Amino acid sequence: MTSTLSREQVIARNLAAVDAHFHNENPEDIDKAIDLYGDDIVWEVPARGVLLRDKAAVKAAYLKMFQSYQIHSMTPIRRFANDNFVVDDTVADMTLVGDVEENVPGCPLPSGSRVSLRVVHIFELDDKGKIIRENGYELWRPADGPIDDDVPADAPTVHFD
C-alpha cells in the first residue's frame, strides 16, 4: 500500500511521533511512549553496550532508568527529520540516584553524581510512522566539569525542579 501523504506530511508525522515519545518518557505515561514503537523495535545505547529488541524489555529498561534519574532540566538543542529518520540532540542536567549500576547498565558515573548528559537520538520510522529503531548516543559528563556545548541562544530549557 502506498502512502497518500506528501513528503512534508510524512516528515511532520515522524516529528510528531518522536515528540510524543519524548513527552511520554515518564513512569506514569511510559505505555504511551512504548505504543509508538513498531513490533520489531531495536533500542540501542552503544556507549553502554545495551541492545534490546522487544517492547517489554525496552519498557523495563525505561522503568529502571527512571529510578536512577533525577532530572533537573532538559535543553533540546536541535531536531530534524527526513522521510524515515528523526535526529534529536538534547542536554539533560540530572543527578544519578539509587542503584545506578543495576538500573543504568554501563553508566560511567556513580550514584550521587550531578551529570550533564548530552544525548543524540537517531530514530528510524516505518511507513506507518511507528518507531522501529531508537539509537541513543550518550555523552556522560560531570556537571561541574568542562562543558562547552554549542546551544542556540533561543533553545528552550524545561525545568523539572
Protein backbone atom coordinates (compact mmCIF):
# COMPACT_ATOMS: atom_id res chain seq x y z
CA MET A 1 0.00 0.00 0.00
CA THR A 2 1.40 3.38 -0.96
CA SER A 3 1.14 6.37 1.29
CA THR A 4 -1.15 9.20 0.29
CA LEU A 5 0.83 11.59 2.46
CA SER A 6 3.16 14.15 0.92
CA ARG A 7 6.82 14.11 1.91
CA GLU A 8 6.20 17.14 4.15
CA GLN A 9 3.29 15.36 5.85
CA VAL A 10 5.42 12.23 6.44
CA ILE A 11 8.17 14.33 7.99
CA ALA A 12 5.65 16.19 10.18
CA ARG A 13 4.11 12.86 11.26
CA ASN A 14 7.53 11.47 12.15
CA LEU A 15 8.49 14.58 14.12
CA ALA A 16 5.16 14.40 15.98
CA ALA A 17 5.73 10.71 16.82
CA VAL A 18 9.15 11.45 18.30
CA ASP A 19 7.80 14.47 20.19
CA ALA A 20 5.00 12.31 21.66
CA HIS A 21 7.53 9.60 22.53
CA PHE A 22 9.71 12.04 24.49
CA HIS A 23 6.67 13.65 26.12
CA ASN A 24 5.58 10.24 27.45
CA GLU A 25 9.00 9.10 28.70
CA ASN A 26 7.98 9.12 32.36
CA PRO A 27 6.78 6.39 34.73
CA GLU A 28 3.10 7.35 34.50
CA ASP A 29 2.91 7.50 30.69
CA ILE A 30 5.56 5.01 29.56
CA ASP A 31 2.97 2.74 27.92
CA LYS A 32 2.05 5.62 25.57
CA ALA A 33 5.73 6.01 24.64
CA ILE A 34 6.09 2.26 24.04
CA ASP A 35 2.92 2.23 21.90
CA LEU A 36 4.74 4.48 19.41
CA TYR A 37 7.19 1.65 18.65
CA GLY A 38 6.70 -0.82 15.83
CA ASP A 39 6.54 -4.52 16.67
CA ASP A 40 10.18 -5.05 15.67
CA ILE A 41 11.75 -2.28 17.75
CA VAL A 42 15.54 -2.12 18.02
CA TRP A 43 16.57 0.01 21.03
CA GLU A 44 20.28 0.60 21.32
CA VAL A 45 22.61 2.59 23.56
CA PRO A 46 26.02 1.71 22.10
CA ALA A 47 28.20 3.54 24.64
CA ARG A 48 26.68 1.46 27.44
CA GLY A 49 26.51 -1.80 25.46
CA VAL A 50 22.71 -2.00 25.59
CA LEU A 51 20.75 -3.60 22.74
CA LEU A 52 17.09 -4.57 23.16
CA ARG A 53 14.68 -5.98 20.57
CA ASP A 54 11.44 -6.31 22.49
CA LYS A 55 8.90 -3.71 23.66
CA ALA A 56 8.58 -5.30 27.10
CA ALA A 57 12.36 -5.25 27.59
CA VAL A 58 12.53 -1.61 26.50
CA LYS A 59 9.74 -0.68 28.92
CA ALA A 60 11.56 -2.49 31.75
CA ALA A 61 14.77 -0.62 30.89
CA TYR A 62 12.97 2.73 30.98
CA LEU A 63 11.34 1.96 34.32
CA LYS A 64 14.74 1.08 35.81
CA MET A 65 16.35 4.25 34.41
CA PHE A 66 13.56 6.36 35.88
CA GLN A 67 14.56 5.02 39.32
CA SER A 68 18.08 6.43 38.93
CA TYR A 69 17.50 9.71 37.05
CA GLN A 70 16.52 12.81 38.99
CA ILE A 71 16.19 15.18 36.04
CA HIS A 72 16.57 18.87 36.82
CA SER A 73 16.25 20.23 33.29
CA MET A 74 16.31 19.34 29.60
CA THR A 75 17.54 21.62 26.83
CA PRO A 76 16.64 20.50 23.32
CA ILE A 77 19.38 21.79 21.02
CA ARG A 78 18.10 20.69 17.62
CA ARG A 79 15.75 18.24 15.97
CA PHE A 80 15.39 17.50 12.28
CA ALA A 81 13.94 14.80 10.08
CA ASN A 82 13.61 13.29 6.64
CA ASP A 83 11.28 10.63 5.26
CA ASN A 84 12.32 7.82 7.63
CA PHE A 85 14.59 9.34 10.27
CA VAL A 86 14.42 11.87 13.08
CA VAL A 87 17.56 13.15 14.82
CA ASP A 88 17.30 14.82 18.23
CA ASP A 89 20.18 16.47 20.12
CA THR A 90 19.43 17.29 23.77
CA VAL A 91 21.29 18.04 27.01
CA ALA A 92 19.90 16.84 30.33
CA ASP A 93 21.02 18.18 33.70
CA MET A 94 20.38 15.46 36.26
CA THR A 95 21.57 13.71 39.37
CA LEU A 96 22.12 9.97 39.41
CA VAL A 97 20.37 8.32 42.36
CA GLY A 98 19.73 4.84 43.69
CA ASP A 99 21.25 1.67 42.27
CA VAL A 100 22.76 3.16 39.11
CA GLU A 101 24.84 0.05 38.38
CA GLU A 102 21.67 -2.08 38.23
CA ASN A 103 19.30 0.49 36.72
CA VAL A 104 21.57 2.07 34.10
CA PRO A 105 23.90 -0.72 32.89
CA GLY A 106 27.25 0.62 31.69
CA CYS A 107 26.75 4.10 33.16
CA PRO A 108 30.24 5.54 33.67
CA LEU A 109 29.36 7.71 36.70
CA PRO A 110 28.26 6.64 40.20
CA SER A 111 25.12 7.36 42.16
CA GLY A 112 25.18 10.84 43.65
CA SER A 113 26.85 12.39 40.58
CA ARG A 114 25.39 15.58 39.12
CA VAL A 115 25.57 14.97 35.38
CA SER A 116 25.36 16.88 32.13
CA LEU A 117 24.17 14.17 29.75
CA ARG A 118 24.22 15.07 26.08
CA VAL A 119 22.20 12.59 24.04
CA VAL A 120 21.88 12.39 20.30
CA HIS A 121 18.99 10.14 19.36
CA ILE A 122 18.55 8.73 15.90
CA PHE A 123 15.06 7.36 15.33
CA GLU A 124 14.08 5.28 12.33
CA LEU A 125 10.38 5.16 11.50
CA ASP A 126 8.44 2.83 9.24
CA ASP A 127 5.95 3.86 6.55
CA LYS A 128 3.16 3.96 9.17
CA GLY A 129 5.01 6.40 11.43
CA LYS A 130 5.98 3.80 14.04
CA ILE A 131 9.46 3.97 15.58
CA ILE A 132 11.35 0.84 14.58
CA ARG A 133 14.81 1.84 15.81
CA GLU A 134 15.97 4.17 18.57
CA ASN A 135 19.69 4.69 18.98
CA GLY A 136 20.79 6.89 21.87
CA TYR A 137 24.38 8.16 21.68
CA GLU A 138 25.20 9.35 25.19
CA LEU A 139 27.97 11.68 26.34
CA TRP A 140 28.21 11.44 30.12
CA ARG A 141 29.97 14.38 31.81
CA PRO A 142 30.21 15.51 35.43
CA ALA A 143 28.09 18.68 35.62
CA ASP A 144 30.95 20.57 37.29
CA GLY A 145 33.45 19.55 34.60
CA PRO A 146 34.46 21.35 31.44
CA ILE A 147 31.34 21.68 29.29
CA ASP A 148 31.07 23.99 26.32
CA ASP A 149 28.04 22.91 24.32
CA ASP A 150 27.01 24.99 21.32
CA VAL A 151 23.45 25.65 22.47
CA PRO A 152 21.48 28.15 20.38
CA ALA A 153 20.52 31.26 22.32
CA ASP A 154 16.82 30.58 21.72
CA ALA A 155 16.92 26.92 22.83
CA PRO A 156 14.24 26.44 25.48
CA THR A 157 15.19 24.81 28.77
CA VAL A 158 12.47 22.83 30.52
CA HIS A 159 12.94 22.77 34.30
CA PHE A 160 11.59 19.92 36.44
CA ASP A 161 12.54 21.10 39.93
